[in-house]
Amino acid sequence: MHVTSSFAVDPQAQVCARYIFAQFLAEIEASVNSGDVTETQHTACTIATEEMVANARATVTTVLTGTCKAKKMDEKFASLERKLMGEFAHIKWLLHNVLEQQPNQLKNIRNANLYDVTTSCAYVSPRQTEIDKFNNTVQNLSTLNDTTSAFIYYWQVNQFNEMLKNWHTGRSMRSPIFYVGQHGYAMYLKITPKYFPDGTIFVGVGLTAGRYNSILAWPFPHRIRLEILDHSPENVREDRRSRIWDPATICTGKFWGRPANAKDNPECVGLSIPRYLIVSNSLSTISQEYLRKTQQ
């Protein structure tokens, strides 16, 4: 902020005072540009001496420059608002055109939800109690030789019948990011309803960028097993389980190292299932598939 002051006296005062006023006024006019914003304050008083009595006034002019110029700031904000509104309108137009070309895409995205006990679905799975109890928890699981702690995560895939029927070969859907325990590794699941032309279903798992990656040990050290749950009655139920994969013995650091930037690591391991095993049982009837991942 640049400040310039000027003073003036009544014409009845001394001639030298009039000269000083004219000089200051000229300096102010020379220092103020046409685009500057000014603020002027006036003060009037009476001067009485033994020689004379005169009226006097003082003028203080403030010149606002740089970032202090309110008018310029208002103009810049208005310009920015116009640009943003234009960008939003362009984005809206692009989205509208994409959805017109792929009308089922938005529906498929909306149907890919992280499992939630409040999810709206008329069907209640016979596995619901198990899912509610163990989802996103660490449990002790028995193995052939020992007992081990395992993190369990469930992912629900809606409208799976539609995917089996309409999706082309190689098209896949990725789960939301989930964390392996508190402050754990960020991971994702991915399902490909038609992995091969014969209709083989494939479920993979991989690492992704997460908020805690900077404080975790790398490469990823935990063993993994994938399952697809059968929702048939308990006496005829048959889950599909993968073997247990150990990152220390399979694939390279490209898969198990710390993900770069905000990208997913490619999936190293996955579970493949023939299509007939899905469409021939209750999974197809209820249009749901629960994918369970255990982390040991």
C-alpha atoms as a PDB file:
ATOM      1  CA  MET A   1       0.000   0.000   0.000  1.00  0.00           C
ATOM      2  CA  HIS A   2       1.383   3.367  -1.076  1.00  0.00           C
ATOM      3  CA  VAL A   3       0.287   6.444   0.993  1.00  0.00           C
ATOM      4  CA  THR A   4       0.582  10.077  -0.239  1.00  0.00           C
ATOM      5  CA  SER A   5      -0.486  13.096   1.888  1.00  0.00           C
ATOM      6  CA  SER A   6      -1.247  16.729   0.918  1.00  0.00           C
ATOM      7  CA  PHE A   7      -2.107  19.856   2.941  1.00  0.00           C
ATOM      8  CA  ALA A   8      -3.760  23.145   1.867  1.00  0.00           C
ATOM      9  CA  VAL A   9      -4.767  26.435   3.551  1.00  0.00           C
ATOM     10  CA  ASP A  10      -7.450  28.993   2.818  1.00  0.00           C
ATOM     11  CA  PRO A  11      -6.527  31.726   0.241  1.00  0.00           C
ATOM     12  CA  GLN A  12      -6.448  34.222   3.112  1.00  0.00           C
ATOM     13  CA  ALA A  13      -3.339  32.482   4.451  1.00  0.00           C
ATOM     14  CA  GLN A  14       0.203  33.221   3.380  1.00  0.00           C
ATOM     15  CA  VAL A  15       1.216  32.897  -0.290  1.00  0.00           C
ATOM     16  CA  CYS A  16       3.904  30.313   0.499  1.00  0.00           C
ATOM     17  CA  ALA A  17       1.243  27.978   1.859  1.00  0.00           C
ATOM     18  CA  ARG A  18      -0.633  28.151  -1.465  1.00  0.00           C
ATOM     19  CA  TYR A  19       2.583  27.269  -3.255  1.00  0.00           C
ATOM     20  CA  ILE A  20       3.204  24.261  -0.984  1.00  0.00           C
ATOM     21  CA  PHE A  21      -0.366  23.009  -1.585  1.00  0.00           C
ATOM     22  CA  ALA A  22       0.035  23.298  -5.372  1.00  0.00           C
ATOM     23  CA  GLN A  23       3.343  21.454  -5.246  1.00  0.00           C
ATOM     24  CA  PHE A  24       1.938  18.565  -3.175  1.00  0.00           C
ATOM     25  CA  LEU A  25      -1.125  18.305  -5.419  1.00  0.00           C
ATOM     26  CA  ALA A  26       1.087  18.030  -8.492  1.00  0.00           C
ATOM     27  CA  GLU A  27       3.098  15.251  -6.840  1.00  0.00           C
ATOM     28  CA  ILE A  28      -0.075  13.294  -6.033  1.00  0.00           C
ATOM     29  CA  GLU A  29      -1.409  13.589  -9.570  1.00  0.00           C
ATOM     30  CA  ALA A  30       1.933  12.462 -10.977  1.00  0.00           C
ATOM     31  CA  SER A  31       2.039   9.347  -8.773  1.00  0.00           C
ATOM     32  CA  VAL A  32      -1.547   8.152  -9.344  1.00  0.00           C
ATOM     33  CA  ASN A  33      -2.266   5.981 -12.382  1.00  0.00           C
ATOM     34  CA  SER A  34      -5.649   5.793 -14.082  1.00  0.00           C
ATOM     35  CA  GLY A  35      -6.201   2.280 -12.728  1.00  0.00           C
ATOM     36  CA  ASP A  36      -5.308   3.075  -9.112  1.00  0.00           C
ATOM     37  CA  VAL A  37      -7.900   3.196  -6.365  1.00  0.00           C
ATOM     38  CA  THR A  38      -7.649   6.234  -4.059  1.00  0.00           C
ATOM     39  CA  GLU A  39      -9.118   7.129  -0.678  1.00  0.00           C
ATOM     40  CA  THR A  40      -9.277  10.825   0.372  1.00  0.00           C
ATOM     41  CA  GLN A  41      -9.947  12.264   3.865  1.00  0.00           C
ATOM     42  CA  HIS A  42     -10.589  15.997   4.587  1.00  0.00           C
ATOM     43  CA  THR A  43     -10.144  18.002   7.841  1.00  0.00           C
ATOM     44  CA  ALA A  44     -11.108  21.679   8.327  1.00  0.00           C
ATOM     45  CA  CYS A  45     -10.152  24.040  11.188  1.00  0.00           C
ATOM     46  CA  THR A  46      -9.551  27.704  12.091  1.00  0.00           C
ATOM     47  CA  ILE A  47      -6.033  29.061  12.638  1.00  0.00           C
ATOM     48  CA  ALA A  48      -5.724  32.142  14.922  1.00  0.00           C
ATOM     49  CA  THR A  49      -2.464  34.010  15.550  1.00  0.00           C
ATOM     50  CA  GLU A  50      -1.536  37.531  16.630  1.00  0.00           C
ATOM     51  CA  GLU A  51      -0.991  38.484  12.966  1.00  0.00           C
ATOM     52  CA  MET A  52      -4.053  36.864  11.327  1.00  0.00           C
ATOM     53  CA  VAL A  53      -7.123  34.641  11.622  1.00  0.00           C
ATOM     54  CA  ALA A  54      -7.548  32.119   8.780  1.00  0.00           C
ATOM     55  CA  ASN A  55      -9.477  28.994   7.887  1.00  0.00           C
ATOM     56  CA  ALA A  56      -7.422  25.923   7.055  1.00  0.00           C
ATOM     57  CA  ARG A  57      -8.106  22.461   5.740  1.00  0.00           C
ATOM     58  CA  ALA A  58      -6.020  19.288   5.448  1.00  0.00           C
ATOM     59  CA  THR A  59      -6.413  16.568   2.845  1.00  0.00           C
ATOM     60  CA  VAL A  60      -4.935  13.059   3.123  1.00  0.00           C
ATOM     61  CA  THR A  61      -5.047  10.954  -0.040  1.00  0.00           C
ATOM     62  CA  THR A  62      -4.284   7.215   0.128  1.00  0.00           C
ATOM     63  CA  VAL A  63      -3.373   5.452  -3.095  1.00  0.00           C
ATOM     64  CA  LEU A  64      -4.056   1.685  -3.031  1.00  0.00           C
ATOM     65  CA  THR A  65      -1.718  -0.296  -5.247  1.00  0.00           C
ATOM     66  CA  GLY A  66      -0.861  -3.953  -5.945  1.00  0.00           C
ATOM     67  CA  THR A  67      -2.952  -6.557  -4.113  1.00  0.00           C
ATOM     68  CA  CYS A  68      -4.699  -3.853  -2.056  1.00  0.00           C
ATOM     69  CA  LYS A  69      -6.763  -2.688  -5.032  1.00  0.00           C
ATOM     70  CA  ALA A  70     -10.244  -3.988  -4.239  1.00  0.00           C
ATOM     71  CA  LYS A  71     -11.655  -3.228  -7.687  1.00  0.00           C
ATOM     72  CA  LYS A  72      -8.954  -5.244  -9.428  1.00  0.00           C
ATOM     73  CA  MET A  73      -9.477  -8.173  -7.033  1.00  0.00           C
ATOM     74  CA  ASP A  74     -13.219  -8.165  -7.718  1.00  0.00           C
ATOM     75  CA  GLU A  75     -12.546  -8.221 -11.444  1.00  0.00           C
ATOM     76  CA  LYS A  76     -10.126 -11.150 -11.104  1.00  0.00           C
ATOM     77  CA  PHE A  77     -12.566 -13.164  -8.968  1.00  0.00           C
ATOM     78  CA  ALA A  78     -15.353 -12.521 -11.464  1.00  0.00           C
ATOM     79  CA  SER A  79     -13.102 -13.683 -14.308  1.00  0.00           C
ATOM     80  CA  LEU A  80     -12.133 -16.834 -12.376  1.00  0.00           C
ATOM     81  CA  GLU A  81     -15.805 -17.590 -11.680  1.00  0.00           C
ATOM     82  CA  ARG A  82     -16.627 -17.317 -15.383  1.00  0.00           C
ATOM     83  CA  LYS A  83     -13.783 -19.682 -16.289  1.00  0.00           C
ATOM     84  CA  LEU A  84     -14.815 -22.272 -13.675  1.00  0.00           C
ATOM     85  CA  MET A  85     -18.436 -22.208 -14.803  1.00  0.00           C
ATOM     86  CA  GLY A  86     -17.269 -22.757 -18.358  1.00  0.00           C
ATOM     87  CA  GLU A  87     -15.114 -25.734 -17.325  1.00  0.00           C
ATOM     88  CA  PHE A  88     -17.976 -27.295 -15.333  1.00  0.00           C
ATOM     89  CA  ALA A  89     -20.313 -26.916 -18.287  1.00  0.00           C
ATOM     90  CA  HIS A  90     -17.758 -28.625 -20.546  1.00  0.00           C
ATOM     91  CA  ILE A  91     -17.294 -31.532 -18.101  1.00  0.00           C
ATOM     92  CA  LYS A  92     -21.075 -31.948 -17.838  1.00  0.00           C
ATOM     93  CA  TRP A  93     -21.308 -32.075 -21.611  1.00  0.00           C
ATOM     94  CA  LEU A  94     -18.559 -34.716 -21.832  1.00  0.00           C
ATOM     95  CA  LEU A  95     -20.200 -36.919 -19.181  1.00  0.00           C
ATOM     96  CA  HIS A  96     -23.555 -36.638 -20.914  1.00  0.00           C
ATOM     97  CA  ASN A  97     -22.042 -37.809 -24.203  1.00  0.00           C
ATOM     98  CA  VAL A  98     -20.180 -40.716 -22.585  1.00  0.00           C
ATOM     99  CA  LEU A  99     -23.322 -41.956 -20.825  1.00  0.00           C
ATOM    100  CA  GLU A 100     -25.320 -41.692 -24.045  1.00  0.00           C
ATOM    101  CA  GLN A 101     -22.786 -43.927 -25.776  1.00  0.00           C
ATOM    102  CA  GLN A 102     -22.613 -46.438 -22.887  1.00  0.00           C
ATOM    103  CA  PRO A 103     -26.028 -46.347 -21.180  1.00  0.00           C
ATOM    104  CA  ASN A 104     -25.321 -49.369 -18.980  1.00  0.00           C
ATOM    105  CA  GLN A 105     -21.975 -48.138 -17.704  1.00  0.00           C
ATOM    106  CA  LEU A 106     -23.344 -45.904 -14.933  1.00  0.00           C
ATOM    107  CA  LYS A 107     -25.648 -48.684 -13.761  1.00  0.00           C
ATOM    108  CA  ASN A 108     -22.722 -51.121 -13.527  1.00  0.00           C
ATOM    109  CA  ILE A 109     -20.625 -48.636 -11.578  1.00  0.00           C
ATOM    110  CA  ARG A 110     -23.423 -48.003  -9.103  1.00  0.00           C
ATOM    111  CA  ASN A 111     -23.871 -51.729  -8.581  1.00  0.00           C
ATOM    112  CA  ALA A 112     -20.234 -52.250  -7.617  1.00  0.00           C
ATOM    113  CA  ASN A 113     -20.477 -51.537  -3.903  1.00  0.00           C
ATOM    114  CA  LEU A 114     -18.345 -52.377  -0.926  1.00  0.00           C
ATOM    115  CA  TYR A 115     -20.271 -54.773   1.296  1.00  0.00           C
ATOM    116  CA  ASP A 116     -22.308 -52.962   3.909  1.00  0.00           C
ATOM    117  CA  VAL A 117     -24.744 -54.436   6.387  1.00  0.00           C
ATOM    118  CA  THR A 118     -27.176 -51.642   5.469  1.00  0.00           C
ATOM    119  CA  THR A 119     -27.135 -52.456   1.742  1.00  0.00           C
ATOM    120  CA  SER A 120     -30.624 -52.670   0.298  1.00  0.00           C
ATOM    121  CA  CYS A 121     -31.349 -56.150  -1.024  1.00  0.00           C
ATOM    122  CA  ALA A 122     -34.561 -58.109  -0.738  1.00  0.00           C
ATOM    123  CA  TYR A 123     -32.670 -61.369  -0.429  1.00  0.00           C
ATOM    124  CA  VAL A 124     -30.982 -62.217   2.873  1.00  0.00           C
ATOM    125  CA  SER A 125     -28.168 -64.686   2.385  1.00  0.00           C
ATOM    126  CA  PRO A 126     -27.899 -67.704   4.697  1.00  0.00           C
ATOM    127  CA  ARG A 127     -24.279 -66.525   5.117  1.00  0.00           C
ATOM    128  CA  GLN A 128     -25.353 -63.094   6.361  1.00  0.00           C
ATOM    129  CA  THR A 129     -24.585 -63.767  10.024  1.00  0.00           C
ATOM    130  CA  GLU A 130     -21.095 -64.950   9.132  1.00  0.00           C
ATOM    131  CA  ILE A 131     -20.492 -61.930   6.904  1.00  0.00           C
ATOM    132  CA  ASP A 132     -21.703 -59.449   9.513  1.00  0.00           C
ATOM    133  CA  LYS A 133     -19.548 -61.046  12.180  1.00  0.00           C
ATOM    134  CA  PHE A 134     -16.244 -61.427  10.359  1.00  0.00           C
ATOM    135  CA  ASN A 135     -16.079 -58.690   7.729  1.00  0.00           C
ATOM    136  CA  ASN A 136     -13.019 -56.427   8.217  1.00  0.00           C
ATOM    137  CA  THR A 137     -11.823 -58.331  11.287  1.00  0.00           C
ATOM    138  CA  VAL A 138      -8.785 -60.343  12.347  1.00  0.00           C
ATOM    139  CA  GLN A 139      -9.575 -63.943  13.319  1.00  0.00           C
ATOM    140  CA  ASN A 140      -7.645 -67.032  14.387  1.00  0.00           C
ATOM    141  CA  LEU A 141      -7.874 -69.731  11.713  1.00  0.00           C
ATOM    142  CA  SER A 142      -6.810 -73.352  11.987  1.00  0.00           C
ATOM    143  CA  THR A 143      -4.392 -74.769   9.435  1.00  0.00           C
ATOM    144  CA  LEU A 144      -3.067 -78.284   8.957  1.00  0.00           C
ATOM    145  CA  ASN A 145      -0.214 -77.799  11.396  1.00  0.00           C
ATOM    146  CA  ASP A 146      -1.002 -74.673  13.369  1.00  0.00           C
ATOM    147  CA  THR A 147      -3.331 -71.774  14.143  1.00  0.00           C
ATOM    148  CA  THR A 148      -2.724 -68.432  12.471  1.00  0.00           C
ATOM    149  CA  SER A 149      -4.207 -64.944  12.613  1.00  0.00           C
ATOM    150  CA  ALA A 150      -5.964 -63.787   9.450  1.00  0.00           C
ATOM    151  CA  PHE A 151      -7.610 -60.573   8.289  1.00  0.00           C
ATOM    152  CA  ILE A 152     -10.953 -61.276   6.556  1.00  0.00           C
ATOM    153  CA  TYR A 153     -12.611 -58.989   4.036  1.00  0.00           C
ATOM    154  CA  TYR A 154     -15.844 -59.505   2.047  1.00  0.00           C
ATOM    155  CA  TRP A 155     -16.785 -57.811  -1.201  1.00  0.00           C
ATOM    156  CA  GLN A 156     -20.346 -58.025  -2.541  1.00  0.00           C
ATOM    157  CA  VAL A 157     -20.874 -57.872  -6.304  1.00  0.00           C
ATOM    158  CA  ASN A 158     -24.429 -57.034  -7.362  1.00  0.00           C
ATOM    159  CA  GLN A 159     -26.101 -57.818 -10.698  1.00  0.00           C
ATOM    160  CA  PHE A 160     -23.636 -60.604 -11.369  1.00  0.00           C
ATOM    161  CA  ASN A 161     -26.060 -62.397 -13.706  1.00  0.00           C
ATOM    162  CA  GLU A 162     -26.089 -59.346 -15.951  1.00  0.00           C
ATOM    163  CA  MET A 163     -22.287 -59.303 -16.053  1.00  0.00           C
ATOM    164  CA  LEU A 164     -22.162 -62.990 -16.986  1.00  0.00           C
ATOM    165  CA  LYS A 165     -24.670 -62.447 -19.757  1.00  0.00           C
ATOM    166  CA  ASN A 166     -23.635 -59.123 -21.297  1.00  0.00           C
ATOM    167  CA  TRP A 167     -20.009 -58.299 -20.513  1.00  0.00           C
ATOM    168  CA  HIS A 168     -17.444 -58.932 -23.223  1.00  0.00           C
ATOM    169  CA  THR A 169     -14.304 -61.000 -22.737  1.00  0.00           C
ATOM    170  CA  GLY A 170     -11.706 -59.285 -20.564  1.00  0.00           C
ATOM    171  CA  ARG A 171     -13.965 -56.633 -19.071  1.00  0.00           C
ATOM    172  CA  SER A 172     -13.436 -56.362 -15.316  1.00  0.00           C
ATOM    173  CA  MET A 173     -14.643 -54.519 -12.239  1.00  0.00           C
ATOM    174  CA  ARG A 174     -12.465 -53.333  -9.367  1.00  0.00           C
ATOM    175  CA  SER A 175     -13.515 -53.174  -5.731  1.00  0.00           C
ATOM    176  CA  PRO A 176     -13.118 -50.087  -3.557  1.00  0.00           C
ATOM    177  CA  ILE A 177      -9.814 -49.840  -1.696  1.00  0.00           C
ATOM    178  CA  PHE A 178      -9.709 -51.658   1.628  1.00  0.00           C
ATOM    179  CA  TYR A 179      -7.039 -51.699   4.325  1.00  0.00           C
ATOM    180  CA  VAL A 180      -5.623 -54.841   5.896  1.00  0.00           C
ATOM    181  CA  GLY A 181      -6.301 -54.035   9.528  1.00  0.00           C
ATOM    182  CA  GLN A 182      -5.681 -50.703  11.209  1.00  0.00           C
ATOM    183  CA  HIS A 183      -2.967 -48.641   9.472  1.00  0.00           C
ATOM    184  CA  GLY A 184      -2.393 -51.580   7.122  1.00  0.00           C
ATOM    185  CA  TYR A 185      -1.682 -52.216   3.454  1.00  0.00           C
ATOM    186  CA  ALA A 186      -4.103 -50.810   0.868  1.00  0.00           C
ATOM    187  CA  MET A 187      -5.485 -53.504  -1.436  1.00  0.00           C
ATOM    188  CA  TYR A 188      -8.189 -54.151  -4.006  1.00  0.00           C
ATOM    189  CA  LEU A 189     -10.044 -57.081  -5.547  1.00  0.00           C
ATOM    190  CA  LYS A 190     -10.882 -57.358  -9.235  1.00  0.00           C
ATOM    191  CA  ILE A 191     -13.400 -59.655 -10.909  1.00  0.00           C
ATOM    192  CA  THR A 192     -13.509 -60.538 -14.623  1.00  0.00           C
ATOM    193  CA  PRO A 193     -16.784 -62.351 -15.400  1.00  0.00           C
ATOM    194  CA  LYS A 194     -15.455 -63.621 -18.750  1.00  0.00           C
ATOM    195  CA  TYR A 195     -11.693 -63.946 -18.397  1.00  0.00           C
ATOM    196  CA  PHE A 196     -11.416 -66.345 -21.352  1.00  0.00           C
ATOM    197  CA  PRO A 197     -13.818 -66.702 -24.306  1.00  0.00           C
ATOM    198  CA  ASP A 198     -15.135 -69.931 -22.767  1.00  0.00           C
ATOM    199  CA  GLY A 199     -16.529 -67.854 -19.899  1.00  0.00           C
ATOM    200  CA  THR A 200     -14.051 -68.663 -17.128  1.00  0.00           C
ATOM    201  CA  ILE A 201     -14.531 -66.295 -14.178  1.00  0.00           C
ATOM    202  CA  PHE A 202     -11.406 -64.806 -12.609  1.00  0.00           C
ATOM    203  CA  VAL A 203     -10.937 -63.014  -9.294  1.00  0.00           C
ATOM    204  CA  GLY A 204      -7.606 -61.294  -8.618  1.00  0.00           C
ATOM    205  CA  VAL A 205      -6.126 -59.328  -5.736  1.00  0.00           C
ATOM    206  CA  GLY A 206      -3.479 -56.620  -5.723  1.00  0.00           C
ATOM    207  CA  LEU A 207      -1.835 -53.770  -3.846  1.00  0.00           C
ATOM    208  CA  THR A 208      -2.559 -50.100  -4.408  1.00  0.00           C
ATOM    209  CA  ALA A 209      -1.445 -46.702  -3.144  1.00  0.00           C
ATOM    210  CA  GLY A 210      -2.645 -46.087   0.414  1.00  0.00           C
ATOM    211  CA  ARG A 211      -2.375 -43.511   3.151  1.00  0.00           C
ATOM    212  CA  TYR A 212      -0.091 -45.668   5.310  1.00  0.00           C
ATOM    213  CA  ASN A 213       2.317 -46.968   2.638  1.00  0.00           C
ATOM    214  CA  SER A 214       5.138 -44.683   3.785  1.00  0.00           C
ATOM    215  CA  ILE A 215       5.280 -46.298   7.244  1.00  0.00           C
ATOM    216  CA  LEU A 216       4.883 -49.940   6.172  1.00  0.00           C
ATOM    217  CA  ALA A 217       7.562 -52.533   5.478  1.00  0.00           C
ATOM    218  CA  TRP A 218       8.089 -53.510   1.831  1.00  0.00           C
ATOM    219  CA  PRO A 219       7.772 -55.780  -0.040  1.00  0.00           C
ATOM    220  CA  PHE A 220       4.334 -56.960   1.063  1.00  0.00           C
ATOM    221  CA  PRO A 221       4.915 -59.904   3.456  1.00  0.00           C
ATOM    222  CA  HIS A 222       1.510 -61.538   4.118  1.00  0.00           C
ATOM    223  CA  ARG A 223       0.082 -64.739   2.665  1.00  0.00           C
ATOM    224  CA  ILE A 224      -3.216 -64.565   0.770  1.00  0.00           C
ATOM    225  CA  ARG A 225      -6.179 -66.843   0.084  1.00  0.00           C
ATOM    226  CA  LEU A 226      -9.276 -66.051  -1.988  1.00  0.00           C
ATOM    227  CA  GLU A 227     -12.735 -67.600  -1.658  1.00  0.00           C
ATOM    228  CA  ILE A 228     -16.102 -67.362  -3.384  1.00  0.00           C
ATOM    229  CA  LEU A 229     -18.942 -68.127  -1.008  1.00  0.00           C
ATOM    230  CA  ASP A 230     -21.719 -70.549  -1.869  1.00  0.00           C
ATOM    231  CA  HIS A 231     -25.108 -69.291  -0.648  1.00  0.00           C
ATOM    232  CA  SER A 232     -26.796 -72.671  -0.776  1.00  0.00           C
ATOM    233  CA  PRO A 233     -28.205 -74.268   2.393  1.00  0.00           C
ATOM    234  CA  GLU A 234     -25.448 -75.321   4.761  1.00  0.00           C
ATOM    235  CA  ASN A 235     -25.777 -79.064   4.153  1.00  0.00           C
ATOM    236  CA  VAL A 236     -25.054 -78.694   0.407  1.00  0.00           C
ATOM    237  CA  ARG A 237     -22.778 -75.668   0.539  1.00  0.00           C
ATOM    238  CA  GLU A 238     -19.431 -75.736  -1.274  1.00  0.00           C
ATOM    239  CA  ASP A 239     -17.215 -72.647  -1.207  1.00  0.00           C
ATOM    240  CA  ARG A 240     -14.552 -72.238  -3.868  1.00  0.00           C
ATOM    241  CA  ARG A 241     -11.126 -71.632  -2.277  1.00  0.00           C
ATOM    242  CA  SER A 242      -7.753 -70.856  -3.758  1.00  0.00           C
ATOM    243  CA  ARG A 243      -4.520 -72.187  -2.397  1.00  0.00           C
ATOM    244  CA  ILE A 244      -2.529 -70.003   0.010  1.00  0.00           C
ATOM    245  CA  TRP A 245      -0.048 -67.778  -1.811  1.00  0.00           C
ATOM    246  CA  ASP A 246       3.180 -66.621  -0.188  1.00  0.00           C
ATOM    247  CA  PRO A 247       4.566 -63.389  -1.748  1.00  0.00           C
ATOM    248  CA  ALA A 248       8.088 -64.474  -0.819  1.00  0.00           C
ATOM    249  CA  THR A 249       7.870 -67.402  -3.236  1.00  0.00           C
ATOM    250  CA  ILE A 250       5.730 -66.132  -6.110  1.00  0.00           C
ATOM    251  CA  CYS A 251       6.020 -63.178  -8.526  1.00  0.00           C
ATOM    252  CA  THR A 252       8.477 -60.277  -8.305  1.00  0.00           C
ATOM    253  CA  GLY A 253       8.754 -56.917  -6.587  1.00  0.00           C
ATOM    254  CA  LYS A 254       6.703 -55.386  -9.393  1.00  0.00           C
ATOM    255  CA  PHE A 255       3.672 -57.015  -7.782  1.00  0.00           C
ATOM    256  CA  TRP A 256       4.553 -56.857  -4.067  1.00  0.00           C
ATOM    257  CA  GLY A 257       6.612 -53.649  -3.855  1.00  0.00           C
ATOM    258  CA  ARG A 258       5.312 -50.272  -2.743  1.00  0.00           C
ATOM    259  CA  PRO A 259       2.891 -48.939  -5.391  1.00  0.00           C
ATOM    260  CA  ALA A 260       4.155 -45.884  -7.253  1.00  0.00           C
ATOM    261  CA  ASN A 261       2.184 -42.652  -7.069  1.00  0.00           C
ATOM    262  CA  ALA A 262      -1.567 -43.327  -7.043  1.00  0.00           C
ATOM    263  CA  LYS A 263      -1.474 -46.453  -9.207  1.00  0.00           C
ATOM    264  CA  ASP A 264      -2.481 -50.069  -8.621  1.00  0.00           C
ATOM    265  CA  ASN A 265       0.130 -52.780  -8.734  1.00  0.00           C
ATOM    266  CA  PRO A 266      -0.859 -55.495 -11.228  1.00  0.00           C
ATOM    267  CA  GLU A 267      -2.462 -58.606  -9.750  1.00  0.00           C
ATOM    268  CA  CYS A 268      -0.057 -61.500  -9.335  1.00  0.00           C
ATOM    269  CA  VAL A 269      -2.471 -64.116  -7.993  1.00  0.00           C
ATOM    270  CA  GLY A 270      -6.123 -64.958  -8.494  1.00  0.00           C
ATOM    271  CA  LEU A 271      -8.824 -67.599  -8.410  1.00  0.00           C
ATOM    272  CA  SER A 272     -10.446 -68.903 -11.611  1.00  0.00           C
ATOM    273  CA  ILE A 273     -13.820 -70.666 -11.630  1.00  0.00           C
ATOM    274  CA  PRO A 274     -15.652 -72.354 -14.510  1.00  0.00           C
ATOM    275  CA  ARG A 275     -18.834 -70.501 -15.381  1.00  0.00           C
ATOM    276  CA  TYR A 276     -21.076 -73.540 -14.926  1.00  0.00           C
ATOM    277  CA  LEU A 277     -20.203 -73.702 -11.218  1.00  0.00           C
ATOM    278  CA  ILE A 278     -21.711 -70.252 -10.755  1.00  0.00           C
ATOM    279  CA  VAL A 279     -24.770 -70.417 -12.995  1.00  0.00           C
ATOM    280  CA  SER A 280     -25.814 -73.867 -11.771  1.00  0.00           C
ATOM    281  CA  ASN A 281     -26.278 -72.964  -8.102  1.00  0.00           C
ATOM    282  CA  SER A 282     -27.969 -70.398  -5.902  1.00  0.00           C
ATOM    283  CA  LEU A 283     -25.368 -67.719  -6.636  1.00  0.00           C
ATOM    284  CA  SER A 284     -26.971 -67.237 -10.018  1.00  0.00           C
ATOM    285  CA  THR A 285     -30.491 -67.263  -8.647  1.00  0.00           C
ATOM    286  CA  ILE A 286     -29.921 -64.480  -6.124  1.00  0.00           C
ATOM    287  CA  SER A 287     -27.724 -62.392  -8.440  1.00  0.00           C
ATOM    288  CA  GLN A 288     -25.089 -61.950  -5.745  1.00  0.00           C
ATOM    289  CA  GLU A 289     -21.558 -63.055  -5.225  1.00  0.00           C
ATOM    290  CA  TYR A 290     -19.604 -62.545  -2.033  1.00  0.00           C
ATOM    291  CA  LEU A 291     -15.862 -62.598  -2.476  1.00  0.00           C
ATOM    292  CA  ARG A 292     -13.898 -63.280   0.650  1.00  0.00           C
ATOM    293  CA  LYS A 293     -10.234 -62.519   1.051  1.00  0.00           C
ATOM    294  CA  THR A 294      -8.179 -63.769   3.965  1.00  0.00           C
ATOM    295  CA  GLN A 295      -4.831 -62.241   4.875  1.00  0.00           C
ATOM    296  CA  GLN A 296      -2.409 -64.289   6.966  1.00  0.00           C
END
